[in-house]
Amino acid sequence: MAATFSSAISGFNIRLGEDHDRMARAMTMMAPVKVGMRRKVTVVRPMMKNVNEGKGVFAPVVVLARNIIGKKPFNQIRGKAIALHSQVITEFCKSIGADAKQRQGLIRLAKKNGEKLGFLA
């Protein structure tokens, strides 16, 4: 027999019993792993990934270059290019008198455009 928990403040009922574990996992995004008689709870973290990976005009060139050069040197070169582009955006913002919030918005826009074009594939 399952117990019911009612909350007058939020107005919802939670049924405790055989479905408790399933509901708890769904609500907290945690996956229990059985270890002997005890349960170990691990947190499932979403991976940050480019939603446009493999898409875009420049994606095949980027993937080919990464395969030829190697992943680590390619990421170093990419990091330097991104830093240089951010410096160019910063200098542009200084020259037109844009504040830090506008500069950050331009940098985010550049990242979104790079993802869509396939530079971050």
PDB file of N, CA and C in Angstrom:
ATOM      1  N   MET A   1       0.849  -1.178   0.000  1.00  0.00           N
ATOM      2  CA  MET A   1       0.000   0.000   0.000  1.00  0.00           C
ATOM      3  C   MET A   1       0.884   1.226   0.000  1.00  0.00           C
ATOM      4  N   ALA A   2       0.570   2.200  -0.804  1.00  0.00           N
ATOM      5  CA  ALA A   2       1.388   3.387  -0.958  1.00  0.00           C
ATOM      6  C   ALA A   2       0.820   4.523  -0.129  1.00  0.00           C
ATOM      7  N   ALA A   3       1.712   5.321   0.434  1.00  0.00           N
ATOM      8  CA  ALA A   3       1.311   6.500   1.192  1.00  0.00           C
ATOM      9  C   ALA A   3       1.239   7.691   0.252  1.00  0.00           C
ATOM     10  N   THR A   4       0.426   8.685   0.626  1.00  0.00           N
ATOM     11  CA  THR A   4       0.290   9.881  -0.208  1.00  0.00           C
ATOM     12  C   THR A   4       0.714  11.089   0.595  1.00  0.00           C
ATOM     13  N   PHE A   5       1.501  11.958  -0.031  1.00  0.00           N
ATOM     14  CA  PHE A   5       1.954  13.199   0.580  1.00  0.00           C
ATOM     15  C   PHE A   5       1.267  14.344  -0.133  1.00  0.00           C
ATOM     16  N   SER A   6       0.534  15.153   0.613  1.00  0.00           N
ATOM     17  CA  SER A   6      -0.150  16.295   0.009  1.00  0.00           C
ATOM     18  C   SER A   6       0.478  17.572   0.521  1.00  0.00           C
ATOM     19  N   SER A   7       0.586  18.525  -0.346  1.00  0.00           N
ATOM     20  CA  SER A   7       1.130  19.824   0.017  1.00  0.00           C
ATOM     21  C   SER A   7       0.066  20.875  -0.215  1.00  0.00           C
ATOM     22  N   ALA A   8      -0.347  21.542   0.861  1.00  0.00           N
ATOM     23  CA  ALA A   8      -1.369  22.579   0.735  1.00  0.00           C
ATOM     24  C   ALA A   8      -0.807  23.817   0.057  1.00  0.00           C
ATOM     25  N   ILE A   9       0.489  24.037   0.195  1.00  0.00           N
ATOM     26  CA  ILE A   9       1.098  25.240  -0.372  1.00  0.00           C
ATOM     27  C   ILE A   9       1.151  25.157  -1.891  1.00  0.00           C
ATOM     28  N   SER A  10       1.677  24.065  -2.416  1.00  0.00           N
ATOM     29  CA  SER A  10       1.844  23.968  -3.855  1.00  0.00           C
ATOM     30  C   SER A  10       0.690  23.246  -4.543  1.00  0.00           C
ATOM     31  N   GLY A  11      -0.144  22.524  -3.808  1.00  0.00           N
ATOM     32  CA  GLY A  11      -1.307  21.886  -4.386  1.00  0.00           C
ATOM     33  C   GLY A  11      -1.029  20.649  -5.219  1.00  0.00           C
ATOM     34  N   PHE A  12      -0.018  19.865  -4.888  1.00  0.00           N
ATOM     35  CA  PHE A  12       0.238  18.641  -5.650  1.00  0.00           C
ATOM     36  C   PHE A  12       0.372  17.472  -4.699  1.00  0.00           C
ATOM     37  N   ASN A  13       0.125  16.292  -5.217  1.00  0.00           N
ATOM     38  CA  ASN A  13       0.232  15.056  -4.449  1.00  0.00           C
ATOM     39  C   ASN A  13       1.374  14.223  -4.994  1.00  0.00           C
ATOM     40  N   ILE A  14       2.139  13.602  -4.117  1.00  0.00           N
ATOM     41  CA  ILE A  14       3.196  12.682  -4.517  1.00  0.00           C
ATOM     42  C   ILE A  14       2.871  11.334  -3.889  1.00  0.00           C
ATOM     43  N   ARG A  15       2.780  10.321  -4.695  1.00  0.00           N
ATOM     44  CA  ARG A  15       2.494   8.977  -4.217  1.00  0.00           C
ATOM     45  C   ARG A  15       3.803   8.301  -3.856  1.00  0.00           C
ATOM     46  N   LEU A  16       3.905   7.857  -2.622  1.00  0.00           N
ATOM     47  CA  LEU A  16       5.091   7.161  -2.155  1.00  0.00           C
ATOM     48  C   LEU A  16       4.805   5.669  -2.148  1.00  0.00           C
ATOM     49  N   GLY A  17       5.740   4.882  -2.563  1.00  0.00           N
ATOM     50  CA  GLY A  17       5.558   3.442  -2.591  1.00  0.00           C
ATOM     51  C   GLY A  17       6.431   2.845  -3.661  1.00  0.00           C
ATOM     52  N   GLU A  18       5.836   1.915  -4.450  1.00  0.00           N
ATOM     53  CA  GLU A  18       6.644   1.219  -5.442  1.00  0.00           C
ATOM     54  C   GLU A  18       7.143   2.149  -6.555  1.00  0.00           C
ATOM     55  N   ASP A  19       6.445   3.252  -6.814  1.00  0.00           N
ATOM     56  CA  ASP A  19       6.860   4.179  -7.866  1.00  0.00           C
ATOM     57  C   ASP A  19       7.773   5.298  -7.357  1.00  0.00           C
ATOM     58  N   HIS A  20       8.073   5.308  -6.068  1.00  0.00           N
ATOM     59  CA  HIS A  20       8.845   6.400  -5.480  1.00  0.00           C
ATOM     60  C   HIS A  20      10.219   6.575  -6.124  1.00  0.00           C
ATOM     61  N   ASP A  21      10.950   5.465  -6.298  1.00  0.00           N
ATOM     62  CA  ASP A  21      12.292   5.551  -6.881  1.00  0.00           C
ATOM     63  C   ASP A  21      12.248   6.089  -8.307  1.00  0.00           C
ATOM     64  N   ARG A  22      11.303   5.614  -9.095  1.00  0.00           N
ATOM     65  CA  ARG A  22      11.187   6.056 -10.481  1.00  0.00           C
ATOM     66  C   ARG A  22      10.863   7.545 -10.550  1.00  0.00           C
ATOM     67  N   MET A  23       9.956   8.004  -9.707  1.00  0.00           N
ATOM     68  CA  MET A  23       9.590   9.417  -9.709  1.00  0.00           C
ATOM     69  C   MET A  23      10.741  10.276  -9.211  1.00  0.00           C
ATOM     70  N   ALA A  24      11.461   9.805  -8.210  1.00  0.00           N
ATOM     71  CA  ALA A  24      12.583  10.573  -7.680  1.00  0.00           C
ATOM     72  C   ALA A  24      13.672  10.743  -8.730  1.00  0.00           C
ATOM     73  N   ARG A  25      13.967   9.681  -9.483  1.00  0.00           N
ATOM     74  CA  ARG A  25      14.970   9.778 -10.551  1.00  0.00           C
ATOM     75  C   ARG A  25      14.519  10.750 -11.627  1.00  0.00           C
ATOM     76  N   ALA A  26      13.262  10.682 -11.997  1.00  0.00           N
ATOM     77  CA  ALA A  26      12.763  11.562 -13.056  1.00  0.00           C
ATOM     78  C   ALA A  26      12.787  13.018 -12.620  1.00  0.00           C
ATOM     79  N   MET A  27      12.502  13.275 -11.346  1.00  0.00           N
ATOM     80  CA  MET A  27      12.430  14.660 -10.870  1.00  0.00           C
ATOM     81  C   MET A  27      13.800  15.256 -10.600  1.00  0.00           C
ATOM     82  N   THR A  28      14.782  14.447 -10.226  1.00  0.00           N
ATOM     83  CA  THR A  28      16.082  14.992  -9.846  1.00  0.00           C
ATOM     84  C   THR A  28      17.176  14.734 -10.860  1.00  0.00           C
ATOM     85  N   MET A  29      16.859  14.036 -11.960  1.00  0.00           N
ATOM     86  CA  MET A  29      17.851  13.723 -12.991  1.00  0.00           C
ATOM     87  C   MET A  29      19.042  12.957 -12.423  1.00  0.00           C
ATOM     88  N   MET A  30      18.798  12.087 -11.439  1.00  0.00           N
ATOM     89  CA  MET A  30      19.859  11.279 -10.863  1.00  0.00           C
ATOM     90  C   MET A  30      19.586   9.815 -11.174  1.00  0.00           C
ATOM     91  N   ALA A  31      20.636   9.093 -11.455  1.00  0.00           N
ATOM     92  CA  ALA A  31      20.501   7.682 -11.782  1.00  0.00           C
ATOM     93  C   ALA A  31      21.122   6.844 -10.675  1.00  0.00           C
ATOM     94  N   PRO A  32      20.330   6.020  -9.968  1.00  0.00           N
ATOM     95  CA  PRO A  32      20.917   5.187  -8.914  1.00  0.00           C
ATOM     96  C   PRO A  32      21.673   4.003  -9.509  1.00  0.00           C
ATOM     97  N   VAL A  33      22.767   3.680  -8.859  1.00  0.00           N
ATOM     98  CA  VAL A  33      23.568   2.536  -9.274  1.00  0.00           C
ATOM     99  C   VAL A  33      23.672   1.617  -8.067  1.00  0.00           C
ATOM    100  N   LYS A  34      23.256   0.353  -8.247  1.00  0.00           N
ATOM    101  CA  LYS A  34      23.296  -0.567  -7.126  1.00  0.00           C
ATOM    102  C   LYS A  34      24.728  -1.002  -6.844  1.00  0.00           C
ATOM    103  N   VAL A  35      25.124  -0.886  -5.583  1.00  0.00           N
ATOM    104  CA  VAL A  35      26.428  -1.339  -5.131  1.00  0.00           C
ATOM    105  C   VAL A  35      26.171  -2.170  -3.885  1.00  0.00           C
ATOM    106  N   GLY A  36      26.164  -3.473  -4.063  1.00  0.00           N
ATOM    107  CA  GLY A  36      25.886  -4.362  -2.935  1.00  0.00           C
ATOM    108  C   GLY A  36      24.471  -4.111  -2.420  1.00  0.00           C
ATOM    109  N   MET A  37      24.342  -3.844  -1.131  1.00  0.00           N
ATOM    110  CA  MET A  37      23.047  -3.584  -0.520  1.00  0.00           C
ATOM    111  C   MET A  37      22.709  -2.094  -0.506  1.00  0.00           C
ATOM    112  N   ARG A  38      23.688  -1.240  -0.776  1.00  0.00           N
ATOM    113  CA  ARG A  38      23.478   0.200  -0.728  1.00  0.00           C
ATOM    114  C   ARG A  38      23.288   0.752  -2.123  1.00  0.00           C
ATOM    115  N   ARG A  39      22.766   1.942  -2.193  1.00  0.00           N
ATOM    116  CA  ARG A  39      22.599   2.612  -3.469  1.00  0.00           C
ATOM    117  C   ARG A  39      23.534   3.802  -3.532  1.00  0.00           C
ATOM    118  N   LYS A  40      24.189   3.929  -4.643  1.00  0.00           N
ATOM    119  CA  LYS A  40      25.051   5.069  -4.873  1.00  0.00           C
ATOM    120  C   LYS A  40      24.365   5.936  -5.929  1.00  0.00           C
ATOM    121  N   VAL A  41      24.236   7.211  -5.655  1.00  0.00           N
ATOM    122  CA  VAL A  41      23.551   8.105  -6.576  1.00  0.00           C
ATOM    123  C   VAL A  41      24.594   8.925  -7.323  1.00  0.00           C
ATOM    124  N   THR A  42      24.507   8.892  -8.647  1.00  0.00           N
ATOM    125  CA  THR A  42      25.399   9.696  -9.464  1.00  0.00           C
ATOM    126  C   THR A  42      24.571  10.709 -10.239  1.00  0.00           C
ATOM    127  N   VAL A  43      25.108  11.892 -10.397  1.00  0.00           N
ATOM    128  CA  VAL A  43      24.406  12.955 -11.086  1.00  0.00           C
ATOM    129  C   VAL A  43      24.707  12.855 -12.576  1.00  0.00           C
ATOM    130  N   VAL A  44      23.668  12.904 -13.387  1.00  0.00           N
ATOM    131  CA  VAL A  44      23.821  12.875 -14.833  1.00  0.00           C
ATOM    132  C   VAL A  44      23.923  14.316 -15.309  1.00  0.00           C
ATOM    133  N   ARG A  45      25.066  14.679 -15.861  1.00  0.00           N
ATOM    134  CA  ARG A  45      25.278  16.042 -16.317  1.00  0.00           C
ATOM    135  C   ARG A  45      25.192  16.094 -17.833  1.00  0.00           C
ATOM    136  N   PRO A  46      24.438  17.055 -18.359  1.00  0.00           N
ATOM    137  CA  PRO A  46      24.384  17.172 -19.813  1.00  0.00           C
ATOM    138  C   PRO A  46      25.718  17.671 -20.356  1.00  0.00           C
ATOM    139  N   MET A  47      26.107  17.132 -21.520  1.00  0.00           N
ATOM    140  CA  MET A  47      27.352  17.566 -22.144  1.00  0.00           C
ATOM    141  C   MET A  47      27.086  18.780 -23.006  1.00  0.00           C
ATOM    142  N   MET A  48      27.998  19.759 -22.936  1.00  0.00           N
ATOM    143  CA  MET A  48      27.892  20.913 -23.804  1.00  0.00           C
ATOM    144  C   MET A  48      28.403  20.477 -25.168  1.00  0.00           C
ATOM    145  N   LYS A  49      27.565  20.606 -26.142  1.00  0.00           N
ATOM    146  CA  LYS A  49      27.939  20.164 -27.466  1.00  0.00           C
ATOM    147  C   LYS A  49      27.340  21.116 -28.486  1.00  0.00           C
ATOM    148  N   ASN A  50      28.031  21.296 -29.573  1.00  0.00           N
ATOM    149  CA  ASN A  50      27.563  22.139 -30.645  1.00  0.00           C
ATOM    150  C   ASN A  50      26.393  21.446 -31.338  1.00  0.00           C
ATOM    151  N   VAL A  51      25.229  22.094 -31.330  1.00  0.00           N
ATOM    152  CA  VAL A  51      24.058  21.494 -31.952  1.00  0.00           C
ATOM    153  C   VAL A  51      24.200  21.447 -33.471  1.00  0.00           C
ATOM    154  N   ASN A  52      25.044  22.282 -34.045  1.00  0.00           N
ATOM    155  CA  ASN A  52      25.257  22.318 -35.486  1.00  0.00           C
ATOM    156  C   ASN A  52      26.507  21.553 -35.906  1.00  0.00           C
ATOM    157  N   GLU A  53      27.002  20.666 -35.034  1.00  0.00           N
ATOM    158  CA  GLU A  53      28.237  19.949 -35.345  1.00  0.00           C
ATOM    159  C   GLU A  53      28.065  19.126 -36.613  1.00  0.00           C
ATOM    160  N   GLY A  54      29.011  19.295 -37.519  1.00  0.00           N
ATOM    161  CA  GLY A  54      28.969  18.575 -38.776  1.00  0.00           C
ATOM    162  C   GLY A  54      28.149  19.276 -39.832  1.00  0.00           C
ATOM    163  N   LYS A  55      27.518  20.380 -39.453  1.00  0.00           N
ATOM    164  CA  LYS A  55      26.715  21.147 -40.394  1.00  0.00           C
ATOM    165  C   LYS A  55      27.439  22.450 -40.689  1.00  0.00           C
ATOM    166  N   GLY A  56      27.022  23.124 -41.685  1.00  0.00           N
ATOM    167  CA  GLY A  56      27.620  24.401 -42.028  1.00  0.00           C
ATOM    168  C   GLY A  56      28.548  24.274 -43.218  1.00  0.00           C
ATOM    169  N   VAL A  57      28.799  25.401 -43.839  1.00  0.00           N
ATOM    170  CA  VAL A  57      29.596  25.445 -45.055  1.00  0.00           C
ATOM    171  C   VAL A  57      31.041  25.014 -44.801  1.00  0.00           C
ATOM    172  N   PHE A  58      31.602  25.430 -43.677  1.00  0.00           N
ATOM    173  CA  PHE A  58      33.014  25.183 -43.417  1.00  0.00           C
ATOM    174  C   PHE A  58      33.284  23.925 -42.592  1.00  0.00           C
ATOM    175  N   ALA A  59      32.255  23.207 -42.179  1.00  0.00           N
ATOM    176  CA  ALA A  59      32.440  22.026 -41.322  1.00  0.00           C
ATOM    177  C   ALA A  59      33.333  20.958 -41.950  1.00  0.00           C
ATOM    178  N   PRO A  60      33.165  20.600 -43.217  1.00  0.00           N
ATOM    179  CA  PRO A  60      34.049  19.565 -43.778  1.00  0.00           C
ATOM    180  C   PRO A  60      35.521  19.980 -43.777  1.00  0.00           C
ATOM    181  N   VAL A  61      35.791  21.247 -44.050  1.00  0.00           N
ATOM    182  CA  VAL A  61      37.175  21.739 -44.047  1.00  0.00           C
ATOM    183  C   VAL A  61      37.750  21.690 -42.639  1.00  0.00           C
ATOM    184  N   VAL A  62      36.930  22.078 -41.649  1.00  0.00           N
ATOM    185  CA  VAL A  62      37.379  22.073 -40.252  1.00  0.00           C
ATOM    186  C   VAL A  62      37.672  20.647 -39.800  1.00  0.00           C
ATOM    187  N   VAL A  63      36.793  19.709 -40.117  1.00  0.00           N
ATOM    188  CA  VAL A  63      36.998  18.306 -39.718  1.00  0.00           C
ATOM    189  C   VAL A  63      38.236  17.725 -40.399  1.00  0.00           C
ATOM    190  N   LEU A  64      38.418  18.038 -41.674  1.00  0.00           N
ATOM    191  CA  LEU A  64      39.593  17.560 -42.401  1.00  0.00           C
ATOM    192  C   LEU A  64      40.880  18.112 -41.786  1.00  0.00           C
ATOM    193  N   ALA A  65      40.888  19.407 -41.484  1.00  0.00           N
ATOM    194  CA  ALA A  65      42.073  20.022 -40.867  1.00  0.00           C
ATOM    195  C   ALA A  65      42.363  19.397 -39.500  1.00  0.00           C
ATOM    196  N   ARG A  66      41.305  19.158 -38.705  1.00  0.00           N
ATOM    197  CA  ARG A  66      41.502  18.549 -37.380  1.00  0.00           C
ATOM    198  C   ARG A  66      42.074  17.150 -37.509  1.00  0.00           C
ATOM    199  N   ASN A  67      41.636  16.391 -38.515  1.00  0.00           N
ATOM    200  CA  ASN A  67      42.145  15.030 -38.703  1.00  0.00           C
ATOM    201  C   ASN A  67      43.588  15.026 -39.183  1.00  0.00           C
ATOM    202  N   ILE A  68      43.972  16.003 -39.995  1.00  0.00           N
ATOM    203  CA  ILE A  68      45.342  16.075 -40.505  1.00  0.00           C
ATOM    204  C   ILE A  68      46.302  16.567 -39.428  1.00  0.00           C
ATOM    205  N   ILE A  69      45.935  17.660 -38.756  1.00  0.00           N
ATOM    206  CA  ILE A  69      46.825  18.292 -37.768  1.00  0.00           C
ATOM    207  C   ILE A  69      46.871  17.502 -36.466  1.00  0.00           C
ATOM    208  N   GLY A  70      45.739  16.965 -36.062  1.00  0.00           N
ATOM    209  CA  GLY A  70      45.632  16.313 -34.763  1.00  0.00           C
ATOM    210  C   GLY A  70      44.763  17.163 -33.857  1.00  0.00           C
ATOM    211  N   LYS A  71      44.075  16.517 -32.938  1.00  0.00           N
ATOM    212  CA  LYS A  71      43.087  17.213 -32.117  1.00  0.00           C
ATOM    213  C   LYS A  71      43.694  18.278 -31.203  1.00  0.00           C
ATOM    214  N   LYS A  72      44.768  17.942 -30.499  1.00  0.00           N
ATOM    215  CA  LYS A  72      45.347  18.888 -29.541  1.00  0.00           C
ATOM    216  C   LYS A  72      45.930  20.118 -30.228  1.00  0.00           C
ATOM    217  N   PRO A  73      46.797  19.976 -31.242  1.00  0.00           N
ATOM    218  CA  PRO A  73      47.305  21.179 -31.910  1.00  0.00           C
ATOM    219  C   PRO A  73      46.187  21.987 -32.595  1.00  0.00           C
ATOM    220  N   PHE A  74      45.185  21.276 -33.130  1.00  0.00           N
ATOM    221  CA  PHE A  74      44.070  21.969 -33.771  1.00  0.00           C
ATOM    222  C   PHE A  74      43.311  22.826 -32.759  1.00  0.00           C
ATOM    223  N   ASN A  75      43.048  22.271 -31.570  1.00  0.00           N
ATOM    224  CA  ASN A  75      42.337  23.039 -30.541  1.00  0.00           C
ATOM    225  C   ASN A  75      43.164  24.218 -30.048  1.00  0.00           C
ATOM    226  N   GLN A  76      44.485  24.092 -30.027  1.00  0.00           N
ATOM    227  CA  GLN A  76      45.343  25.220 -29.649  1.00  0.00           C
ATOM    228  C   GLN A  76      45.241  26.339 -30.682  1.00  0.00           C
ATOM    229  N   ILE A  77      45.293  25.970 -31.946  1.00  0.00           N
ATOM    230  CA  ILE A  77      45.174  26.968 -33.017  1.00  0.00           C
ATOM    231  C   ILE A  77      43.791  27.607 -32.979  1.00  0.00           C
ATOM    232  N   ARG A  78      42.766  26.788 -32.788  1.00  0.00           N
ATOM    233  CA  ARG A  78      41.399  27.322 -32.707  1.00  0.00           C
ATOM    234  C   ARG A  78      41.261  28.293 -31.542  1.00  0.00           C
ATOM    235  N   GLY A  79      41.841  27.953 -30.399  1.00  0.00           N
ATOM    236  CA  GLY A  79      41.788  28.826 -29.227  1.00  0.00           C
ATOM    237  C   GLY A  79      42.459  30.162 -29.481  1.00  0.00           C
ATOM    238  N   LYS A  80      43.615  30.128 -30.170  1.00  0.00           N
ATOM    239  CA  LYS A  80      44.304  31.375 -30.502  1.00  0.00           C
ATOM    240  C   LYS A  80      43.482  32.224 -31.466  1.00  0.00           C
ATOM    241  N   ALA A  81      42.836  31.572 -32.434  1.00  0.00           N
ATOM    242  CA  ALA A  81      42.005  32.300 -33.404  1.00  0.00           C
ATOM    243  C   ALA A  81      40.799  32.936 -32.712  1.00  0.00           C
ATOM    244  N   ILE A  82      40.182  32.215 -31.791  1.00  0.00           N
ATOM    245  CA  ILE A  82      39.035  32.754 -31.062  1.00  0.00           C
ATOM    246  C   ILE A  82      39.472  33.927 -30.187  1.00  0.00           C
ATOM    247  N   ALA A  83      40.616  33.804 -29.524  1.00  0.00           N
ATOM    248  CA  ALA A  83      41.125  34.899 -28.691  1.00  0.00           C
ATOM    249  C   ALA A  83      41.435  36.134 -29.539  1.00  0.00           C
ATOM    250  N   LEU A  84      42.052  35.926 -30.696  1.00  0.00           N
ATOM    251  CA  LEU A  84      42.356  37.038 -31.597  1.00  0.00           C
ATOM    252  C   LEU A  84      41.069  37.717 -32.078  1.00  0.00           C
ATOM    253  N   HIS A  85      40.069  36.921 -32.414  1.00  0.00           N
ATOM    254  CA  HIS A  85      38.790  37.484 -32.874  1.00  0.00           C
ATOM    255  C   HIS A  85      38.116  38.270 -31.755  1.00  0.00           C
ATOM    256  N   SER A  86      38.188  37.774 -30.525  1.00  0.00           N
ATOM    257  CA  SER A  86      37.629  38.502 -29.382  1.00  0.00           C
ATOM    258  C   SER A  86      38.345  39.830 -29.172  1.00  0.00           C
ATOM    259  N   GLN A  87      39.667  39.861 -29.383  1.00  0.00           N
ATOM    260  CA  GLN A  87      40.426  41.112 -29.272  1.00  0.00           C
ATOM    261  C   GLN A  87      39.995  42.104 -30.348  1.00  0.00           C
ATOM    262  N   VAL A  88      39.760  41.619 -31.556  1.00  0.00           N
ATOM    263  CA  VAL A  88      39.304  42.489 -32.644  1.00  0.00           C
ATOM    264  C   VAL A  88      37.942  43.079 -32.295  1.00  0.00           C
ATOM    265  N   ILE A  89      37.044  42.245 -31.759  1.00  0.00           N
ATOM    266  CA  ILE A  89      35.724  42.740 -31.359  1.00  0.00           C
ATOM    267  C   ILE A  89      35.858  43.773 -30.248  1.00  0.00           C
ATOM    268  N   THR A  90      36.749  43.531 -29.284  1.00  0.00           N
ATOM    269  CA  THR A  90      36.973  44.478 -28.190  1.00  0.00           C
ATOM    270  C   THR A  90      37.486  45.808 -28.716  1.00  0.00           C
ATOM    271  N   GLU A  91      38.444  45.775 -29.613  1.00  0.00           N
ATOM    272  CA  GLU A  91      38.974  47.015 -30.186  1.00  0.00           C
ATOM    273  C   GLU A  91      37.900  47.752 -30.983  1.00  0.00           C
ATOM    274  N   PHE A  92      37.086  47.014 -31.711  1.00  0.00           N
ATOM    275  CA  PHE A  92      35.991  47.629 -32.455  1.00  0.00           C
ATOM    276  C   PHE A  92      35.030  48.327 -31.503  1.00  0.00           C
ATOM    277  N   CYS A  93      34.688  47.661 -30.392  1.00  0.00           N
ATOM    278  CA  CYS A  93      33.774  48.245 -29.415  1.00  0.00           C
ATOM    279  C   CYS A  93      34.367  49.497 -28.776  1.00  0.00           C
ATOM    280  N   LYS A  94      35.669  49.489 -28.516  1.00  0.00           N
ATOM    281  CA  LYS A  94      36.328  50.675 -27.976  1.00  0.00           C
ATOM    282  C   LYS A  94      36.250  51.831 -28.967  1.00  0.00           C
ATOM    283  N   SER A  95      36.448  51.534 -30.246  1.00  0.00           N
ATOM    284  CA  SER A  95      36.474  52.601 -31.257  1.00  0.00           C
ATOM    285  C   SER A  95      35.094  53.227 -31.470  1.00  0.00           C
ATOM    286  N   ILE A  96      34.019  52.460 -31.274  1.00  0.00           N
ATOM    287  CA  ILE A  96      32.690  53.036 -31.462  1.00  0.00           C
ATOM    288  C   ILE A  96      32.043  53.446 -30.144  1.00  0.00           C
ATOM    289  N   GLY A  97      32.704  53.172 -29.022  1.00  0.00           N
ATOM    290  CA  GLY A  97      32.196  53.586 -27.714  1.00  0.00           C
ATOM    291  C   GLY A  97      31.140  52.662 -27.130  1.00  0.00           C
ATOM    292  N   ALA A  98      31.161  51.406 -27.501  1.00  0.00           N
ATOM    293  CA  ALA A  98      30.195  50.439 -26.967  1.00  0.00           C
ATOM    294  C   ALA A  98      30.616  49.996 -25.570  1.00  0.00           C
ATOM    295  N   ASP A  99      29.632  49.747 -24.717  1.00  0.00           N
ATOM    296  CA  ASP A  99      29.954  49.316 -23.352  1.00  0.00           C
ATOM    297  C   ASP A  99      30.239  47.810 -23.309  1.00  0.00           C
ATOM    298  N   ALA A 100      30.593  47.319 -22.113  1.00  0.00           N
ATOM    299  CA  ALA A 100      30.997  45.921 -21.943  1.00  0.00           C
ATOM    300  C   ALA A 100      29.862  44.952 -22.258  1.00  0.00           C
ATOM    301  N   LYS A 101      28.627  45.343 -21.946  1.00  0.00           N
ATOM    302  CA  LYS A 101      27.486  44.463 -22.205  1.00  0.00           C
ATOM    303  C   LYS A 101      27.288  44.273 -23.713  1.00  0.00           C
ATOM    304  N   GLN A 102      27.417  45.339 -24.476  1.00  0.00           N
ATOM    305  CA  GLN A 102      27.294  45.240 -25.928  1.00  0.00           C
ATOM    306  C   GLN A 102      28.442  44.419 -26.509  1.00  0.00           C
ATOM    307  N   ARG A 103      29.649  44.608 -25.967  1.00  0.00           N
ATOM    308  CA  ARG A 103      30.805  43.834 -26.425  1.00  0.00           C
ATOM    309  C   ARG A 103      30.583  42.349 -26.193  1.00  0.00           C
ATOM    310  N   GLN A 104      30.076  41.997 -25.005  1.00  0.00           N
ATOM    311  CA  GLN A 104      29.822  40.588 -24.696  1.00  0.00           C
ATOM    312  C   GLN A 104      28.759  40.018 -25.628  1.00  0.00           C
ATOM    313  N   GLY A 105      27.755  40.826 -25.951  1.00  0.00           N
ATOM    314  CA  GLY A 105      26.724  40.388 -26.887  1.00  0.00           C
ATOM    315  C   GLY A 105      27.290  40.115 -28.266  1.00  0.00           C
ATOM    316  N   LEU A 106      28.238  40.971 -28.723  1.00  0.00           N
ATOM    317  CA  LEU A 106      28.869  40.757 -30.025  1.00  0.00           C
ATOM    318  C   LEU A 106      29.720  39.484 -30.034  1.00  0.00           C
ATOM    319  N   ILE A 107      30.402  39.213 -28.933  1.00  0.00           N
ATOM    320  CA  ILE A 107      31.221  38.003 -28.844  1.00  0.00           C
ATOM    321  C   ILE A 107      30.320  36.762 -28.872  1.00  0.00           C
ATOM    322  N   ARG A 108      29.189  36.817 -28.161  1.00  0.00           N
ATOM    323  CA  ARG A 108      28.250  35.683 -28.191  1.00  0.00           C
ATOM    324  C   ARG A 108      27.672  35.486 -29.597  1.00  0.00           C
ATOM    325  N   LEU A 109      27.371  36.601 -30.270  1.00  0.00           N
ATOM    326  CA  LEU A 109      26.857  36.523 -31.636  1.00  0.00           C
ATOM    327  C   LEU A 109      27.897  35.899 -32.572  1.00  0.00           C
ATOM    328  N   ALA A 110      29.164  36.267 -32.388  1.00  0.00           N
ATOM    329  CA  ALA A 110      30.233  35.692 -33.205  1.00  0.00           C
ATOM    330  C   ALA A 110      30.324  34.179 -32.977  1.00  0.00           C
ATOM    331  N   LYS A 111      30.143  33.743 -31.729  1.00  0.00           N
ATOM    332  CA  LYS A 111      30.183  32.307 -31.435  1.00  0.00           C
ATOM    333  C   LYS A 111      29.025  31.579 -32.113  1.00  0.00           C
ATOM    334  N   LYS A 112      27.816  32.158 -32.026  1.00  0.00           N
ATOM    335  CA  LYS A 112      26.653  31.537 -32.677  1.00  0.00           C
ATOM    336  C   LYS A 112      26.851  31.454 -34.184  1.00  0.00           C
ATOM    337  N   ASN A 113      27.380  32.525 -34.773  1.00  0.00           N
ATOM    338  CA  ASN A 113      27.621  32.510 -36.221  1.00  0.00           C
ATOM    339  C   ASN A 113      28.674  31.474 -36.595  1.00  0.00           C
ATOM    340  N   GLY A 114      29.722  31.363 -35.769  1.00  0.00           N
ATOM    341  CA  GLY A 114      30.753  30.344 -36.005  1.00  0.00           C
ATOM    342  C   GLY A 114      30.198  28.942 -35.943  1.00  0.00           C
ATOM    343  N   GLU A 115      29.281  28.701 -35.020  1.00  0.00           N
ATOM    344  CA  GLU A 115      28.638  27.381 -34.917  1.00  0.00           C
ATOM    345  C   GLU A 115      27.804  27.100 -36.166  1.00  0.00           C
ATOM    346  N   LYS A 116      27.021  28.097 -36.593  1.00  0.00           N
ATOM    347  CA  LYS A 116      26.151  27.897 -37.761  1.00  0.00           C
ATOM    348  C   LYS A 116      26.952  27.686 -39.042  1.00  0.00           C
ATOM    349  N   LEU A 117      28.080  28.381 -39.172  1.00  0.00           N
ATOM    350  CA  LEU A 117      28.899  28.250 -40.366  1.00  0.00           C
ATOM    351  C   LEU A 117      29.758  26.985 -40.376  1.00  0.00           C
ATOM    352  N   GLY A 118      29.919  26.354 -39.204  1.00  0.00           N
ATOM    353  CA  GLY A 118      30.679  25.119 -39.128  1.00  0.00           C
ATOM    354  C   GLY A 118      32.111  25.295 -38.671  1.00  0.00           C
ATOM    355  N   PHE A 119      32.480  26.488 -38.197  1.00  0.00           N
ATOM    356  CA  PHE A 119      33.842  26.693 -37.705  1.00  0.00           C
ATOM    357  C   PHE A 119      34.108  25.949 -36.416  1.00  0.00           C
ATOM    358  N   LEU A 120      33.071  25.634 -35.655  1.00  0.00           N
ATOM    359  CA  LEU A 120      33.250  24.941 -34.382  1.00  0.00           C
ATOM    360  C   LEU A 120      32.877  23.474 -34.475  1.00  0.00           C
ATOM    361  N   ALA A 121      32.936  22.914 -35.677  1.00  0.00           N
ATOM    362  CA  ALA A 121      32.588  21.499 -35.883  1.00  0.00           C
ATOM    363  C   ALA A 121      33.654  20.588 -35.313  1.00  0.00           C
TER     364      ALA A 121
END
